[in-house]
Amino acid sequence: MRKKTIRIPMLLVLVSFCWLAGPVASAATRNESRSAGQPAIDVARLEMRIHDLINQERKNAGLPTLAWSQPLQRIARDYSQDMATRNFFSHIDPEGRNFVQRYRRAGFKCAVRTGFFFGIRTNLGGENIAYNHLSSAIVHRKGQAMTSGEAEEQFAAAVVRQWMTSSSHRQNILTRHYRREGIGVAIRKDGKVLITQNFC
């Protein structure tokens, strides 16, 4: 008999502070966002850098790398943008939908077969989420301007470092049977950044 399991890890808060209400940057359309006093961040480049660092962690653990999935990236970015726009942070949206339901609404099917000794099971994917603030995650050098690439590198490293120090998020990242992932980032004008990582 085939069992279905859904893995929904605990929430991760990268920086603990009160929610900040404010206008949302149109990162999904401009593909770039700038907070006051910060270098411009290219959202697509930041997503790919997080992806590269995730694969480095998998290589370090002796695991196969994850392929980049454009459908999962779109789902992830849409969800990050939704959290940014509606000012919430949860694996469950205000309508009560989880990542499995978001996959289905987007027409994305994930059914990864796992286990052999106790029967075949089906894993429907996984999700990590995070939020941070550009001013908290990016350290400026005194008297020197920082390039966008340097800022993106620092921010990506901070996100992956926090995920890897959380047991539930690390477990998702190092799950052997996952083969694909998508990273989605949304940046608000106040510098708050929402990140979603979806697996299959």
N, C-alpha and C. Protein backbone atom coordinates (compact mmCIF):
# COMPACT_ATOMS: atom_id res chain seq x y z
N MET A 1 0.85 -1.19 0.00
CA MET A 1 0.00 0.00 0.00
C MET A 1 0.88 1.24 0.00
N ARG A 2 0.56 2.17 -0.79
CA ARG A 2 1.38 3.37 -0.95
C ARG A 2 0.92 4.43 0.05
N LYS A 3 1.85 4.89 0.86
CA LYS A 3 1.52 5.93 1.84
C LYS A 3 2.00 7.27 1.34
N LYS A 4 1.27 8.29 1.65
CA LYS A 4 1.68 9.64 1.28
C LYS A 4 2.12 10.39 2.53
N THR A 5 3.27 11.00 2.44
CA THR A 5 3.75 11.79 3.56
C THR A 5 3.98 13.21 3.09
N ILE A 6 3.66 14.14 3.94
CA ILE A 6 3.88 15.55 3.65
C ILE A 6 4.81 16.09 4.72
N ARG A 7 5.93 16.64 4.29
CA ARG A 7 6.87 17.22 5.24
C ARG A 7 6.74 18.72 5.22
N ILE A 8 6.32 19.29 6.35
CA ILE A 8 6.25 20.74 6.47
C ILE A 8 7.11 21.12 7.67
N PRO A 9 8.32 21.65 7.45
CA PRO A 9 9.22 21.93 8.54
C PRO A 9 8.78 23.11 9.38
N MET A 10 9.44 23.29 10.52
CA MET A 10 9.18 24.42 11.39
C MET A 10 9.55 25.72 10.68
N LEU A 11 8.96 26.83 11.16
CA LEU A 11 9.25 28.13 10.58
C LEU A 11 10.64 28.58 10.99
N LEU A 12 11.26 29.37 10.15
CA LEU A 12 12.57 29.94 10.46
C LEU A 12 12.48 31.45 10.41
N VAL A 13 12.87 32.11 11.49
CA VAL A 13 12.94 33.56 11.51
C VAL A 13 14.41 33.93 11.60
N LEU A 14 14.95 34.52 10.55
CA LEU A 14 16.37 34.83 10.52
C LEU A 14 16.70 36.00 11.43
N VAL A 15 15.84 36.97 11.49
CA VAL A 15 16.06 38.11 12.36
C VAL A 15 14.76 38.35 13.12
N SER A 16 14.83 38.42 14.42
CA SER A 16 13.62 38.57 15.23
C SER A 16 13.33 40.05 15.43
N PHE A 17 12.25 40.52 14.83
CA PHE A 17 11.81 41.89 15.02
C PHE A 17 10.35 41.98 14.64
N CYS A 18 9.70 43.05 15.00
CA CYS A 18 8.28 43.21 14.71
C CYS A 18 8.07 43.36 13.22
N TRP A 19 6.87 42.98 12.79
CA TRP A 19 6.53 43.16 11.37
C TRP A 19 6.53 44.64 11.02
N LEU A 20 7.06 44.94 9.85
CA LEU A 20 7.09 46.33 9.40
C LEU A 20 6.11 46.50 8.25
N ALA A 21 5.12 47.33 8.45
CA ALA A 21 4.18 47.60 7.37
C ALA A 21 4.78 48.62 6.42
N GLY A 22 4.51 48.46 5.15
CA GLY A 22 5.06 49.41 4.19
C GLY A 22 4.80 48.94 2.78
N PRO A 23 5.05 49.80 1.80
CA PRO A 23 4.83 49.42 0.41
C PRO A 23 5.78 48.32 -0.01
N VAL A 24 5.33 47.51 -0.92
CA VAL A 24 6.11 46.37 -1.37
C VAL A 24 6.82 46.71 -2.66
N ALA A 25 8.11 46.36 -2.74
CA ALA A 25 8.86 46.59 -3.97
C ALA A 25 8.38 45.63 -5.04
N SER A 26 8.33 46.12 -6.27
CA SER A 26 7.87 45.28 -7.38
C SER A 26 9.04 44.45 -7.90
N ALA A 27 9.63 43.63 -7.03
CA ALA A 27 10.80 42.84 -7.40
C ALA A 27 10.49 41.84 -8.49
N ALA A 28 9.27 41.33 -8.52
CA ALA A 28 8.93 40.30 -9.50
C ALA A 28 8.90 40.87 -10.92
N THR A 29 8.60 42.16 -11.03
CA THR A 29 8.52 42.75 -12.37
C THR A 29 9.82 43.46 -12.75
N ARG A 30 10.43 44.18 -11.78
CA ARG A 30 11.66 44.89 -12.09
C ARG A 30 12.87 44.00 -11.99
N ASN A 31 12.74 42.94 -11.20
CA ASN A 31 13.84 41.99 -11.01
C ASN A 31 15.00 42.62 -10.26
N GLU A 32 14.77 43.78 -9.67
CA GLU A 32 15.83 44.46 -8.93
C GLU A 32 15.17 45.32 -7.86
N SER A 33 15.82 45.42 -6.70
CA SER A 33 15.27 46.24 -5.63
C SER A 33 16.40 46.92 -4.88
N ARG A 34 16.12 48.12 -4.41
CA ARG A 34 17.13 48.87 -3.65
C ARG A 34 16.47 49.46 -2.41
N SER A 35 17.05 49.18 -1.24
CA SER A 35 16.62 49.79 -0.01
C SER A 35 17.50 51.02 0.24
N ALA A 36 16.99 51.97 1.02
CA ALA A 36 17.75 53.20 1.28
C ALA A 36 19.12 52.87 1.85
N GLY A 37 20.15 53.38 1.21
CA GLY A 37 21.51 53.18 1.68
C GLY A 37 22.10 51.83 1.33
N GLN A 38 21.40 51.04 0.54
CA GLN A 38 21.88 49.71 0.18
C GLN A 38 22.12 49.63 -1.32
N PRO A 39 23.08 48.80 -1.74
CA PRO A 39 23.27 48.60 -3.18
C PRO A 39 22.07 47.88 -3.78
N ALA A 40 21.87 48.05 -5.08
CA ALA A 40 20.77 47.37 -5.75
C ALA A 40 20.99 45.87 -5.69
N ILE A 41 19.90 45.15 -5.45
CA ILE A 41 19.94 43.68 -5.39
C ILE A 41 19.19 43.13 -6.59
N ASP A 42 19.85 42.32 -7.39
CA ASP A 42 19.19 41.64 -8.50
C ASP A 42 18.56 40.36 -7.96
N VAL A 43 17.23 40.30 -7.97
CA VAL A 43 16.50 39.20 -7.35
C VAL A 43 16.85 37.86 -8.00
N ALA A 44 16.86 37.83 -9.33
CA ALA A 44 17.16 36.56 -10.03
C ALA A 44 18.57 36.08 -9.71
N ARG A 45 19.52 37.01 -9.64
CA ARG A 45 20.90 36.64 -9.32
C ARG A 45 21.01 36.13 -7.89
N LEU A 46 20.28 36.78 -6.97
CA LEU A 46 20.30 36.36 -5.57
C LEU A 46 19.69 34.96 -5.43
N GLU A 47 18.60 34.71 -6.11
CA GLU A 47 17.98 33.37 -6.07
C GLU A 47 18.95 32.30 -6.53
N MET A 48 19.65 32.58 -7.63
CA MET A 48 20.58 31.59 -8.17
C MET A 48 21.79 31.40 -7.26
N ARG A 49 22.22 32.48 -6.60
CA ARG A 49 23.36 32.34 -5.68
C ARG A 49 22.98 31.49 -4.47
N ILE A 50 21.78 31.67 -3.95
CA ILE A 50 21.31 30.81 -2.85
C ILE A 50 21.28 29.36 -3.31
N HIS A 51 20.78 29.14 -4.51
CA HIS A 51 20.73 27.80 -5.09
C HIS A 51 22.13 27.18 -5.17
N ASP A 52 23.10 27.95 -5.64
CA ASP A 52 24.47 27.45 -5.75
C ASP A 52 25.04 27.07 -4.39
N LEU A 53 24.77 27.90 -3.37
CA LEU A 53 25.28 27.61 -2.03
C LEU A 53 24.60 26.39 -1.42
N ILE A 54 23.32 26.20 -1.73
CA ILE A 54 22.61 25.00 -1.28
C ILE A 54 23.27 23.77 -1.89
N ASN A 55 23.58 23.82 -3.17
CA ASN A 55 24.22 22.68 -3.81
C ASN A 55 25.62 22.43 -3.27
N GLN A 56 26.30 23.48 -2.84
CA GLN A 56 27.61 23.28 -2.23
C GLN A 56 27.46 22.51 -0.91
N GLU A 57 26.42 22.83 -0.15
CA GLU A 57 26.18 22.11 1.10
C GLU A 57 25.87 20.63 0.81
N ARG A 58 25.12 20.37 -0.24
CA ARG A 58 24.81 18.99 -0.60
C ARG A 58 26.08 18.24 -1.05
N LYS A 59 26.91 18.91 -1.83
CA LYS A 59 28.18 18.30 -2.25
C LYS A 59 29.04 17.96 -1.04
N ASN A 60 29.09 18.89 -0.08
CA ASN A 60 29.88 18.67 1.14
C ASN A 60 29.39 17.45 1.91
N ALA A 61 28.10 17.16 1.79
CA ALA A 61 27.49 16.02 2.49
C ALA A 61 27.50 14.76 1.64
N GLY A 62 28.11 14.82 0.45
CA GLY A 62 28.17 13.66 -0.42
C GLY A 62 26.87 13.34 -1.12
N LEU A 63 26.03 14.35 -1.32
CA LEU A 63 24.73 14.16 -1.96
C LEU A 63 24.73 14.72 -3.38
N PRO A 64 23.86 14.22 -4.25
CA PRO A 64 23.76 14.80 -5.59
C PRO A 64 23.22 16.22 -5.52
N THR A 65 23.63 17.04 -6.47
CA THR A 65 23.14 18.42 -6.50
C THR A 65 21.70 18.47 -6.97
N LEU A 66 21.03 19.54 -6.64
CA LEU A 66 19.64 19.75 -7.04
C LEU A 66 19.61 20.52 -8.36
N ALA A 67 18.79 20.07 -9.28
CA ALA A 67 18.59 20.80 -10.53
C ALA A 67 17.72 22.03 -10.24
N TRP A 68 17.93 23.07 -11.03
CA TRP A 68 17.10 24.27 -10.93
C TRP A 68 15.79 24.03 -11.66
N SER A 69 14.68 24.23 -10.97
CA SER A 69 13.36 24.02 -11.54
C SER A 69 12.66 25.36 -11.72
N GLN A 70 12.42 25.73 -12.98
CA GLN A 70 11.73 26.99 -13.24
C GLN A 70 10.31 27.00 -12.69
N PRO A 71 9.53 25.90 -12.82
CA PRO A 71 8.19 25.91 -12.21
C PRO A 71 8.24 26.09 -10.69
N LEU A 72 9.18 25.42 -10.02
CA LEU A 72 9.28 25.60 -8.57
C LEU A 72 9.76 27.00 -8.21
N GLN A 73 10.62 27.57 -9.04
CA GLN A 73 11.07 28.94 -8.80
C GLN A 73 9.91 29.91 -8.88
N ARG A 74 9.04 29.73 -9.87
CA ARG A 74 7.87 30.62 -10.00
C ARG A 74 6.94 30.48 -8.80
N ILE A 75 6.70 29.25 -8.36
CA ILE A 75 5.85 29.02 -7.19
C ILE A 75 6.46 29.68 -5.96
N ALA A 76 7.78 29.49 -5.78
CA ALA A 76 8.48 30.05 -4.63
C ALA A 76 8.46 31.57 -4.65
N ARG A 77 8.73 32.18 -5.81
CA ARG A 77 8.75 33.64 -5.85
C ARG A 77 7.35 34.22 -5.65
N ASP A 78 6.36 33.58 -6.24
CA ASP A 78 4.98 34.05 -6.04
C ASP A 78 4.61 34.02 -4.57
N TYR A 79 5.05 32.97 -3.87
CA TYR A 79 4.69 32.87 -2.46
C TYR A 79 5.45 33.90 -1.62
N SER A 80 6.72 34.11 -1.92
CA SER A 80 7.47 35.16 -1.21
C SER A 80 6.83 36.52 -1.44
N GLN A 81 6.41 36.78 -2.68
CA GLN A 81 5.76 38.06 -2.98
C GLN A 81 4.44 38.19 -2.25
N ASP A 82 3.70 37.08 -2.14
CA ASP A 82 2.43 37.09 -1.41
C ASP A 82 2.66 37.41 0.06
N MET A 83 3.68 36.77 0.68
CA MET A 83 3.99 37.06 2.08
C MET A 83 4.40 38.52 2.26
N ALA A 84 5.18 39.04 1.32
CA ALA A 84 5.61 40.44 1.40
C ALA A 84 4.44 41.39 1.24
N THR A 85 3.57 41.11 0.28
CA THR A 85 2.45 42.00 0.00
C THR A 85 1.43 42.00 1.12
N ARG A 86 1.11 40.81 1.62
CA ARG A 86 0.05 40.70 2.64
C ARG A 86 0.60 40.66 4.06
N ASN A 87 1.91 40.83 4.18
CA ASN A 87 2.55 41.00 5.49
C ASN A 87 2.26 39.84 6.45
N PHE A 88 2.58 38.61 5.99
CA PHE A 88 2.50 37.46 6.88
C PHE A 88 3.73 36.60 6.64
N PHE A 89 3.99 35.68 7.57
CA PHE A 89 5.15 34.79 7.44
C PHE A 89 4.76 33.43 7.99
N SER A 90 4.48 32.50 7.09
CA SER A 90 4.02 31.18 7.50
C SER A 90 4.06 30.23 6.30
N HIS A 91 4.14 28.94 6.59
CA HIS A 91 4.01 27.95 5.52
C HIS A 91 2.57 27.83 5.06
N ILE A 92 1.64 28.35 5.86
CA ILE A 92 0.22 28.31 5.53
C ILE A 92 -0.24 29.72 5.21
N ASP A 93 -0.83 29.92 4.03
CA ASP A 93 -1.26 31.27 3.65
C ASP A 93 -2.56 31.63 4.38
N PRO A 94 -3.00 32.89 4.30
CA PRO A 94 -4.22 33.29 5.02
C PRO A 94 -5.47 32.50 4.64
N GLU A 95 -5.47 31.87 3.48
CA GLU A 95 -6.60 31.04 3.09
C GLU A 95 -6.47 29.59 3.57
N GLY A 96 -5.38 29.30 4.29
CA GLY A 96 -5.19 27.97 4.85
C GLY A 96 -4.52 26.99 3.92
N ARG A 97 -3.89 27.46 2.84
CA ARG A 97 -3.25 26.57 1.87
C ARG A 97 -1.78 26.35 2.22
N ASN A 98 -1.31 25.09 2.06
CA ASN A 98 0.10 24.78 2.29
C ASN A 98 0.83 24.64 0.96
N PHE A 99 2.10 24.28 1.01
CA PHE A 99 2.88 24.25 -0.23
C PHE A 99 2.38 23.18 -1.20
N VAL A 100 1.86 22.06 -0.69
CA VAL A 100 1.33 21.02 -1.57
C VAL A 100 0.16 21.56 -2.39
N GLN A 101 -0.69 22.31 -1.74
CA GLN A 101 -1.82 22.92 -2.45
C GLN A 101 -1.37 23.99 -3.42
N ARG A 102 -0.29 24.71 -3.08
CA ARG A 102 0.24 25.70 -4.02
C ARG A 102 0.83 25.02 -5.24
N TYR A 103 1.49 23.89 -5.03
CA TYR A 103 2.00 23.12 -6.17
C TYR A 103 0.85 22.75 -7.11
N ARG A 104 -0.21 22.22 -6.52
CA ARG A 104 -1.33 21.75 -7.32
C ARG A 104 -2.01 22.89 -8.07
N ARG A 105 -2.17 24.04 -7.39
CA ARG A 105 -2.81 25.20 -8.03
C ARG A 105 -2.00 25.69 -9.21
N ALA A 106 -0.67 25.51 -9.14
CA ALA A 106 0.21 25.93 -10.23
C ALA A 106 0.35 24.85 -11.30
N GLY A 107 -0.29 23.71 -11.11
CA GLY A 107 -0.20 22.62 -12.08
C GLY A 107 1.10 21.84 -11.99
N PHE A 108 1.77 21.93 -10.84
CA PHE A 108 3.05 21.23 -10.66
C PHE A 108 2.82 19.96 -9.87
N LYS A 109 3.27 18.83 -10.40
CA LYS A 109 3.10 17.55 -9.72
C LYS A 109 4.43 17.08 -9.14
N CYS A 110 4.40 16.75 -7.85
CA CYS A 110 5.59 16.23 -7.19
C CYS A 110 5.20 14.96 -6.45
N ALA A 111 5.80 13.86 -6.81
CA ALA A 111 5.57 12.59 -6.14
C ALA A 111 6.88 11.81 -6.18
N VAL A 112 7.68 11.96 -5.14
CA VAL A 112 8.99 11.34 -5.07
C VAL A 112 8.88 10.05 -4.28
N ARG A 113 9.23 8.93 -4.91
CA ARG A 113 9.16 7.65 -4.22
C ARG A 113 10.35 7.48 -3.29
N THR A 114 10.08 7.06 -2.07
CA THR A 114 11.14 6.87 -1.08
C THR A 114 10.91 5.56 -0.34
N GLY A 115 11.97 4.99 0.17
CA GLY A 115 11.88 3.81 1.02
C GLY A 115 11.70 2.52 0.24
N PHE A 116 12.36 1.48 0.72
CA PHE A 116 12.26 0.16 0.10
C PHE A 116 12.02 -0.93 1.13
N PHE A 117 12.59 -0.76 2.31
CA PHE A 117 12.54 -1.83 3.31
C PHE A 117 11.15 -1.97 3.95
N PHE A 118 10.41 -0.89 4.05
CA PHE A 118 9.10 -0.93 4.67
C PHE A 118 8.01 -0.53 3.69
N GLY A 119 8.22 -0.80 2.42
CA GLY A 119 7.25 -0.44 1.40
C GLY A 119 7.58 0.91 0.79
N ILE A 120 7.05 1.14 -0.38
CA ILE A 120 7.31 2.39 -1.09
C ILE A 120 6.41 3.48 -0.53
N ARG A 121 6.99 4.60 -0.23
CA ARG A 121 6.24 5.78 0.21
C ARG A 121 6.39 6.88 -0.82
N THR A 122 5.48 7.82 -0.79
CA THR A 122 5.55 8.95 -1.72
C THR A 122 5.70 10.24 -0.92
N ASN A 123 6.74 11.00 -1.23
CA ASN A 123 6.96 12.30 -0.62
C ASN A 123 6.49 13.36 -1.61
N LEU A 124 5.70 14.30 -1.14
CA LEU A 124 5.10 15.31 -2.01
C LEU A 124 5.91 16.59 -2.11
N GLY A 125 7.13 16.58 -1.57
CA GLY A 125 7.98 17.76 -1.67
C GLY A 125 8.26 18.37 -0.32
N GLY A 126 8.85 19.53 -0.33
CA GLY A 126 9.19 20.22 0.90
C GLY A 126 9.34 21.71 0.68
N GLU A 127 9.40 22.44 1.79
CA GLU A 127 9.50 23.90 1.70
C GLU A 127 10.26 24.45 2.89
N ASN A 128 11.18 25.36 2.62
CA ASN A 128 11.81 26.20 3.64
C ASN A 128 11.42 27.64 3.36
N ILE A 129 11.21 28.40 4.41
CA ILE A 129 10.98 29.84 4.24
C ILE A 129 11.89 30.60 5.21
N ALA A 130 12.16 31.83 4.89
CA ALA A 130 12.99 32.67 5.75
C ALA A 130 12.65 34.12 5.50
N TYR A 131 12.95 34.97 6.48
CA TYR A 131 12.95 36.40 6.22
C TYR A 131 14.13 37.03 6.92
N ASN A 132 14.57 38.14 6.37
CA ASN A 132 15.69 38.88 6.92
C ASN A 132 15.55 40.32 6.46
N HIS A 133 16.47 41.14 6.85
CA HIS A 133 16.47 42.54 6.44
C HIS A 133 17.82 42.86 5.84
N LEU A 134 17.83 43.58 4.74
CA LEU A 134 19.09 43.88 4.07
C LEU A 134 20.10 44.53 5.01
N SER A 135 19.63 45.43 5.88
CA SER A 135 20.55 46.14 6.77
C SER A 135 21.13 45.22 7.83
N SER A 136 20.46 44.11 8.13
CA SER A 136 20.95 43.18 9.15
C SER A 136 21.90 42.14 8.56
N ALA A 137 21.68 41.77 7.31
CA ALA A 137 22.45 40.67 6.72
C ALA A 137 23.65 41.12 5.92
N ILE A 138 23.70 42.40 5.55
CA ILE A 138 24.79 42.90 4.72
C ILE A 138 25.67 43.83 5.55
N VAL A 139 26.94 43.49 5.67
CA VAL A 139 27.88 44.26 6.46
C VAL A 139 28.71 45.14 5.53
N HIS A 140 28.64 46.44 5.76
CA HIS A 140 29.38 47.38 4.91
C HIS A 140 30.81 47.55 5.40
N ARG A 141 31.71 47.76 4.47
CA ARG A 141 33.09 48.10 4.82
C ARG A 141 33.18 49.62 4.95
N LYS A 142 33.79 50.07 6.01
CA LYS A 142 33.87 51.51 6.27
C LYS A 142 34.62 52.23 5.16
N GLY A 143 33.98 53.26 4.63
CA GLY A 143 34.63 54.10 3.64
C GLY A 143 34.69 53.51 2.24
N GLN A 144 34.12 52.33 2.04
CA GLN A 144 34.16 51.71 0.71
C GLN A 144 32.76 51.34 0.26
N ALA A 145 32.47 51.66 -0.98
CA ALA A 145 31.17 51.30 -1.53
C ALA A 145 31.12 49.80 -1.80
N MET A 146 29.98 49.22 -1.58
CA MET A 146 29.81 47.79 -1.83
C MET A 146 29.10 47.59 -3.15
N THR A 147 29.57 46.65 -3.92
CA THR A 147 28.91 46.35 -5.19
C THR A 147 27.66 45.51 -4.95
N SER A 148 26.79 45.48 -5.94
CA SER A 148 25.58 44.65 -5.85
C SER A 148 25.95 43.18 -5.67
N GLY A 149 26.97 42.73 -6.42
CA GLY A 149 27.39 41.34 -6.33
C GLY A 149 27.87 40.97 -4.93
N GLU A 150 28.62 41.86 -4.29
CA GLU A 150 29.10 41.60 -2.93
C GLU A 150 27.93 41.54 -1.95
N ALA A 151 26.95 42.42 -2.12
CA ALA A 151 25.78 42.43 -1.24
C ALA A 151 24.97 41.16 -1.41
N GLU A 152 24.79 40.74 -2.65
CA GLU A 152 24.04 39.51 -2.91
C GLU A 152 24.75 38.30 -2.32
N GLU A 153 26.07 38.28 -2.42
CA GLU A 153 26.86 37.16 -1.88
C GLU A 153 26.70 37.09 -0.36
N GLN A 154 26.79 38.23 0.31
CA GLN A 154 26.65 38.25 1.76
C GLN A 154 25.25 37.80 2.18
N PHE A 155 24.25 38.31 1.48
CA PHE A 155 22.88 37.97 1.87
C PHE A 155 22.59 36.49 1.63
N ALA A 156 23.00 35.97 0.48
CA ALA A 156 22.78 34.55 0.18
C ALA A 156 23.46 33.67 1.22
N ALA A 157 24.68 34.01 1.58
CA ALA A 157 25.42 33.22 2.57
C ALA A 157 24.72 33.25 3.93
N ALA A 158 24.16 34.42 4.29
CA ALA A 158 23.46 34.53 5.58
C ALA A 158 22.23 33.65 5.62
N VAL A 159 21.48 33.62 4.52
CA VAL A 159 20.26 32.80 4.46
C VAL A 159 20.60 31.32 4.57
N VAL A 160 21.57 30.86 3.78
CA VAL A 160 21.93 29.44 3.78
C VAL A 160 22.53 29.04 5.13
N ARG A 161 23.31 29.93 5.72
CA ARG A 161 23.91 29.65 7.03
C ARG A 161 22.83 29.44 8.08
N GLN A 162 21.81 30.28 8.07
CA GLN A 162 20.72 30.14 9.05
C GLN A 162 19.93 28.86 8.82
N TRP A 163 19.64 28.54 7.56
CA TRP A 163 18.93 27.30 7.28
C TRP A 163 19.74 26.09 7.75
N MET A 164 21.04 26.12 7.52
CA MET A 164 21.88 24.97 7.85
C MET A 164 22.08 24.81 9.35
N THR A 165 21.83 25.84 10.14
CA THR A 165 21.95 25.72 11.60
C THR A 165 20.61 25.40 12.25
N SER A 166 19.57 25.22 11.45
CA SER A 166 18.26 24.80 11.94
C SER A 166 18.05 23.35 11.52
N SER A 167 17.79 22.46 12.48
CA SER A 167 17.76 21.02 12.17
C SER A 167 16.70 20.67 11.13
N SER A 168 15.51 21.27 11.21
CA SER A 168 14.44 20.92 10.27
C SER A 168 14.73 21.43 8.87
N HIS A 169 15.29 22.63 8.76
CA HIS A 169 15.62 23.18 7.46
C HIS A 169 16.82 22.47 6.83
N ARG A 170 17.79 22.16 7.68
CA ARG A 170 18.95 21.39 7.21
C ARG A 170 18.50 20.03 6.69
N GLN A 171 17.55 19.41 7.38
CA GLN A 171 17.05 18.10 6.95
C GLN A 171 16.43 18.19 5.55
N ASN A 172 15.65 19.23 5.30
CA ASN A 172 15.09 19.42 3.95
C ASN A 172 16.20 19.57 2.92
N ILE A 173 17.17 20.41 3.22
CA ILE A 173 18.25 20.68 2.27
C ILE A 173 19.05 19.42 1.96
N LEU A 174 19.24 18.58 2.96
CA LEU A 174 20.07 17.39 2.80
C LEU A 174 19.24 16.11 2.61
N THR A 175 18.00 16.25 2.20
CA THR A 175 17.19 15.07 1.90
C THR A 175 17.68 14.45 0.60
N ARG A 176 18.09 13.21 0.68
CA ARG A 176 18.74 12.55 -0.46
C ARG A 176 17.84 12.43 -1.68
N HIS A 177 16.55 12.14 -1.47
CA HIS A 177 15.70 11.83 -2.63
C HIS A 177 15.19 13.06 -3.38
N TYR A 178 15.41 14.27 -2.87
CA TYR A 178 15.02 15.44 -3.65
C TYR A 178 15.97 15.61 -4.84
N ARG A 179 15.43 16.00 -5.96
CA ARG A 179 16.22 16.16 -7.18
C ARG A 179 16.14 17.57 -7.76
N ARG A 180 15.13 18.35 -7.37
CA ARG A 180 14.92 19.68 -7.94
C ARG A 180 14.59 20.67 -6.84
N GLU A 181 14.87 21.94 -7.12
CA GLU A 181 14.45 22.99 -6.20
C GLU A 181 14.23 24.28 -6.97
N GLY A 182 13.49 25.17 -6.34
CA GLY A 182 13.32 26.53 -6.83
C GLY A 182 13.42 27.49 -5.66
N ILE A 183 14.08 28.60 -5.86
CA ILE A 183 14.22 29.64 -4.83
C ILE A 183 13.48 30.87 -5.31
N GLY A 184 12.67 31.46 -4.44
CA GLY A 184 11.95 32.68 -4.81
C GLY A 184 12.15 33.76 -3.76
N VAL A 185 12.53 34.96 -4.20
CA VAL A 185 12.83 36.08 -3.31
C VAL A 185 11.93 37.26 -3.63
N ALA A 186 11.46 37.94 -2.60
CA ALA A 186 10.73 39.20 -2.76
C ALA A 186 11.34 40.21 -1.79
N ILE A 187 11.60 41.42 -2.26
CA ILE A 187 12.21 42.47 -1.44
C ILE A 187 11.28 43.67 -1.36
N ARG A 188 10.96 44.05 -0.14
CA ARG A 188 10.12 45.23 0.06
C ARG A 188 10.95 46.50 0.06
N LYS A 189 10.31 47.63 -0.14
CA LYS A 189 11.03 48.90 -0.17
C LYS A 189 11.66 49.24 1.17
N ASP A 190 11.12 48.67 2.26
CA ASP A 190 11.70 48.93 3.58
C ASP A 190 12.91 48.04 3.86
N GLY A 191 13.31 47.21 2.88
CA GLY A 191 14.49 46.38 3.03
C GLY A 191 14.23 45.00 3.56
N LYS A 192 12.99 44.68 3.89
CA LYS A 192 12.66 43.35 4.36
C LYS A 192 12.63 42.38 3.18
N VAL A 193 13.23 41.20 3.36
CA VAL A 193 13.35 40.22 2.30
C VAL A 193 12.67 38.92 2.73
N LEU A 194 11.81 38.40 1.87
CA LEU A 194 11.14 37.12 2.07
C LEU A 194 11.73 36.11 1.11
N ILE A 195 12.07 34.92 1.62
CA ILE A 195 12.68 33.88 0.78
C ILE A 195 11.90 32.58 0.94
N THR A 196 11.57 31.94 -0.19
CA THR A 196 10.94 30.63 -0.18
C THR A 196 11.79 29.66 -0.99
N GLN A 197 11.96 28.46 -0.45
CA GLN A 197 12.70 27.40 -1.11
C GLN A 197 11.78 26.20 -1.23
N ASN A 198 11.50 25.76 -2.45
CA ASN A 198 10.62 24.62 -2.67
C ASN A 198 11.39 23.46 -3.27
N PHE A 199 11.10 22.26 -2.80
CA PHE A 199 11.80 21.04 -3.21
C PHE A 199 10.86 20.04 -3.87
N CYS A 200 11.43 19.19 -4.71
CA CYS A 200 10.73 18.03 -5.22
C CYS A 200 11.77 16.97 -5.59
